[in-house]
N, C-alpha and C. Protein backbone atom coordinates (compact mmCIF):
# COMPACT_ATOMS: atom_id res chain seq x y z
N MET A 1 119.55 183.56 -50.84
CA MET A 1 120.71 183.46 -51.42
C MET A 1 122.07 183.27 -50.79
N GLY A 2 122.96 182.05 -50.81
CA GLY A 2 124.13 181.85 -50.42
C GLY A 2 125.12 182.65 -51.34
N ASP A 3 126.65 183.32 -50.48
CA ASP A 3 127.76 183.54 -51.17
C ASP A 3 127.74 181.92 -52.55
N ASP A 4 128.32 182.91 -53.75
CA ASP A 4 128.72 182.01 -54.86
C ASP A 4 130.00 182.04 -54.13
N GLU A 5 130.41 180.35 -54.72
CA GLU A 5 131.99 180.13 -54.82
C GLU A 5 132.88 180.75 -55.44
N GLN A 6 131.90 181.23 -56.86
CA GLN A 6 133.73 181.95 -57.16
C GLN A 6 133.30 183.27 -57.12
N GLU A 7 132.36 183.50 -56.33
CA GLU A 7 132.57 185.12 -56.36
C GLU A 7 132.88 185.57 -55.08
N SER A 8 133.54 184.06 -53.73
CA SER A 8 134.36 184.76 -52.74
C SER A 8 135.86 184.28 -53.43
N GLU A 9 136.43 183.21 -53.86
CA GLU A 9 137.48 183.27 -54.62
C GLU A 9 138.01 184.61 -55.41
N VAL A 10 137.06 185.34 -56.12
CA VAL A 10 137.59 186.57 -56.56
C VAL A 10 137.50 187.25 -55.78
N SER A 11 136.67 187.26 -54.59
CA SER A 11 136.68 188.75 -53.65
C SER A 11 138.31 188.33 -52.58
N GLU A 12 138.52 187.17 -52.55
CA GLU A 12 139.78 186.95 -51.97
C GLU A 12 141.17 187.21 -52.35
N TRP A 13 141.07 187.04 -54.22
CA TRP A 13 141.94 187.22 -55.18
C TRP A 13 141.92 188.56 -55.09
N GLU A 14 140.96 189.61 -55.07
CA GLU A 14 141.28 191.02 -54.85
C GLU A 14 142.34 191.55 -53.47
N GLN A 15 141.45 190.96 -52.55
CA GLN A 15 142.16 191.55 -51.72
C GLN A 15 143.55 190.86 -51.02
N TYR A 16 144.10 189.77 -51.90
CA TYR A 16 145.42 189.89 -51.95
C TYR A 16 146.40 190.72 -52.65
N ILE A 17 145.37 190.69 -54.11
CA ILE A 17 145.82 192.10 -54.85
C ILE A 17 146.30 193.29 -53.62
N GLU A 18 145.25 193.92 -53.32
CA GLU A 18 145.21 195.27 -52.50
C GLU A 18 146.41 194.99 -51.62
N ASP A 19 145.92 193.91 -50.58
CA ASP A 19 147.23 193.52 -49.14
C ASP A 19 147.73 192.39 -49.56
N PRO A 20 149.02 192.35 -50.24
CA PRO A 20 149.33 191.03 -50.20
C PRO A 20 149.93 190.74 -48.64
N PRO A 21 150.26 189.26 -48.98
CA PRO A 21 150.26 188.78 -47.45
C PRO A 21 152.04 189.27 -47.04
N GLU A 22 152.21 189.44 -45.79
CA GLU A 22 153.90 189.58 -45.71
C GLU A 22 154.72 188.57 -45.67
N GLY A 23 156.08 189.18 -45.74
CA GLY A 23 157.10 187.99 -46.12
C GLY A 23 157.34 187.48 -47.68
N GLU A 24 156.51 187.61 -48.33
CA GLU A 24 156.09 187.23 -49.47
C GLU A 24 157.09 187.72 -50.61
N LEU A 25 157.80 187.51 -51.62
CA LEU A 25 158.74 188.07 -52.20
C LEU A 25 157.74 188.61 -53.38
N PRO A 26 157.90 190.30 -53.89
CA PRO A 26 156.71 190.56 -55.26
C PRO A 26 157.58 190.20 -56.34
N VAL A 27 156.65 189.91 -57.07
CA VAL A 27 156.79 189.62 -58.46
C VAL A 27 156.73 190.96 -59.21
N ALA A 28 157.61 190.94 -59.82
CA ALA A 28 158.24 191.90 -60.90
C ALA A 28 157.83 191.57 -61.95
N GLU A 29 156.75 191.82 -62.87
CA GLU A 29 156.05 191.25 -64.37
C GLU A 29 157.26 192.07 -64.99
N ASP A 30 157.75 193.46 -64.78
CA ASP A 30 158.84 193.58 -66.15
C ASP A 30 159.61 193.32 -66.09
N ASN A 31 160.22 192.47 -65.00
CA ASN A 31 162.01 192.05 -65.07
C ASN A 31 162.20 190.80 -65.72
N ASP A 32 162.38 190.99 -66.83
CA ASP A 32 162.49 189.51 -67.62
C ASP A 32 163.84 189.27 -68.35
N ASP A 33 164.79 189.71 -67.17
CA ASP A 33 166.40 189.57 -67.68
C ASP A 33 166.96 188.01 -68.01
N ASP A 34 166.40 187.27 -66.86
CA ASP A 34 166.35 185.59 -67.33
C ASP A 34 165.82 185.58 -68.69
N ALA A 35 164.82 185.84 -69.38
CA ALA A 35 164.50 185.24 -70.66
C ALA A 35 165.63 186.27 -71.67
N GLU A 36 165.39 187.44 -71.17
CA GLU A 36 166.36 188.19 -72.58
C GLU A 36 167.75 187.58 -72.48
N GLN A 37 168.50 187.21 -71.43
CA GLN A 37 169.71 186.26 -71.41
C GLN A 37 170.00 185.07 -71.82
N ALA A 38 168.79 184.13 -71.80
CA ALA A 38 168.96 183.36 -72.81
C ALA A 38 168.60 183.14 -73.97
N VAL A 39 167.84 184.22 -74.66
CA VAL A 39 167.51 184.66 -75.94
C VAL A 39 168.81 185.02 -76.80
N ASP A 40 169.75 186.28 -75.69
CA ASP A 40 170.75 186.73 -76.54
C ASP A 40 171.80 185.52 -76.09
N TRP A 41 171.74 184.54 -75.52
CA TRP A 41 172.67 183.04 -75.63
C TRP A 41 172.86 182.42 -76.38
N ALA A 42 171.19 181.99 -76.98
CA ALA A 42 170.96 181.45 -78.13
C ALA A 42 171.46 182.04 -79.35
N GLU A 43 171.17 183.37 -79.55
CA GLU A 43 171.87 184.01 -80.87
C GLU A 43 173.48 183.68 -80.79
N ARG A 44 174.09 183.77 -79.53
CA ARG A 44 175.42 183.71 -79.51
C ARG A 44 176.20 182.47 -80.02
N HIS A 45 175.21 181.68 -79.64
CA HIS A 45 175.30 179.99 -79.79
C HIS A 45 174.47 179.49 -81.24
N PRO A 46 174.52 179.64 -81.74
CA PRO A 46 173.11 179.18 -82.94
C PRO A 46 173.48 177.56 -83.15
N ARG A 47 175.26 176.72 -83.16
CA ARG A 47 175.21 175.41 -83.24
C ARG A 47 174.54 174.86 -82.01
N GLN A 48 174.53 175.43 -81.06
CA GLN A 48 174.34 174.37 -79.56
C GLN A 48 172.62 174.81 -78.96
N VAL A 49 172.01 175.35 -80.13
CA VAL A 49 170.67 175.13 -80.13
C VAL A 49 169.77 174.82 -80.68
N ALA A 50 169.33 173.25 -80.36
CA ALA A 50 168.67 172.11 -81.07
C ALA A 50 167.79 173.00 -82.22
N ALA A 51 167.63 172.61 -83.19
CA ALA A 51 167.00 173.22 -84.49
C ALA A 51 165.66 172.47 -84.00
N PRO A 52 164.08 172.94 -84.69
CA PRO A 52 163.20 172.34 -84.22
C PRO A 52 163.01 171.03 -85.31
N GLU A 53 162.32 170.07 -84.56
CA GLU A 53 162.45 168.86 -85.44
C GLU A 53 160.72 168.80 -85.64
N GLU A 54 160.54 167.89 -86.91
CA GLU A 54 159.56 167.70 -87.04
C GLU A 54 159.28 166.18 -86.27
N ASP A 55 157.93 166.43 -85.50
CA ASP A 55 157.59 165.47 -84.62
C ASP A 55 156.20 165.22 -85.01
N ASP A 56 155.59 164.10 -85.49
CA ASP A 56 154.11 163.77 -85.41
C ASP A 56 153.82 162.69 -84.46
N THR A 57 154.55 162.59 -83.71
CA THR A 57 153.89 162.02 -82.18
C THR A 57 153.46 162.24 -81.64
N PRO A 58 151.88 161.87 -81.20
CA PRO A 58 151.02 162.31 -80.13
C PRO A 58 151.70 162.51 -78.67
N ALA A 59 151.57 163.62 -78.07
CA ALA A 59 152.19 164.17 -76.49
C ALA A 59 151.87 163.12 -75.30
N GLU A 60 151.11 162.29 -75.72
CA GLU A 60 150.73 160.80 -75.21
C GLU A 60 151.71 159.75 -75.17
N GLU A 61 151.95 159.59 -76.36
CA GLU A 61 153.31 158.52 -77.15
C GLU A 61 154.65 158.75 -75.92
N SER A 62 155.07 160.08 -76.83
CA SER A 62 155.84 160.75 -76.36
C SER A 62 156.20 160.66 -74.74
N ALA A 63 155.36 160.51 -73.92
CA ALA A 63 155.67 160.90 -72.63
C ALA A 63 155.89 159.46 -72.05
N ILE A 64 155.06 158.28 -72.66
CA ILE A 64 155.41 157.29 -72.40
C ILE A 64 156.74 156.83 -71.97
N HIS A 65 157.65 157.26 -73.30
CA HIS A 65 158.98 156.72 -73.59
C HIS A 65 159.82 157.71 -73.26
N GLU A 66 159.75 158.63 -72.46
CA GLU A 66 160.46 159.37 -72.55
C GLU A 66 161.43 158.92 -70.69
N ILE A 67 162.52 159.25 -70.53
CA ILE A 67 163.35 158.73 -69.46
C ILE A 67 163.26 159.69 -68.11
N PRO A 68 162.73 159.44 -67.21
CA PRO A 68 162.86 160.32 -66.25
C PRO A 68 164.55 160.46 -65.67
N GLY A 69 164.14 161.95 -64.94
CA GLY A 69 165.67 162.43 -65.22
C GLY A 69 166.86 163.43 -65.99
N ARG A 70 166.28 162.83 -67.39
CA ARG A 70 167.09 163.64 -68.29
C ARG A 70 166.37 164.78 -69.14
């Protein structure tokens, strides 16, 4: 039997976790300061936070009418 493609990918992933490439920034999963700051800002500025609107339009149709760059 030859190597299974998925098995090779899993092996590469495990190697990457054990020995990450040099020069890349480590990702700190515990650092969610940006998310906390956004929540704090939203709590302090309730009028500027858009209330969710009921939208029964399918996503495909909404994407067609979306204006790029806005």
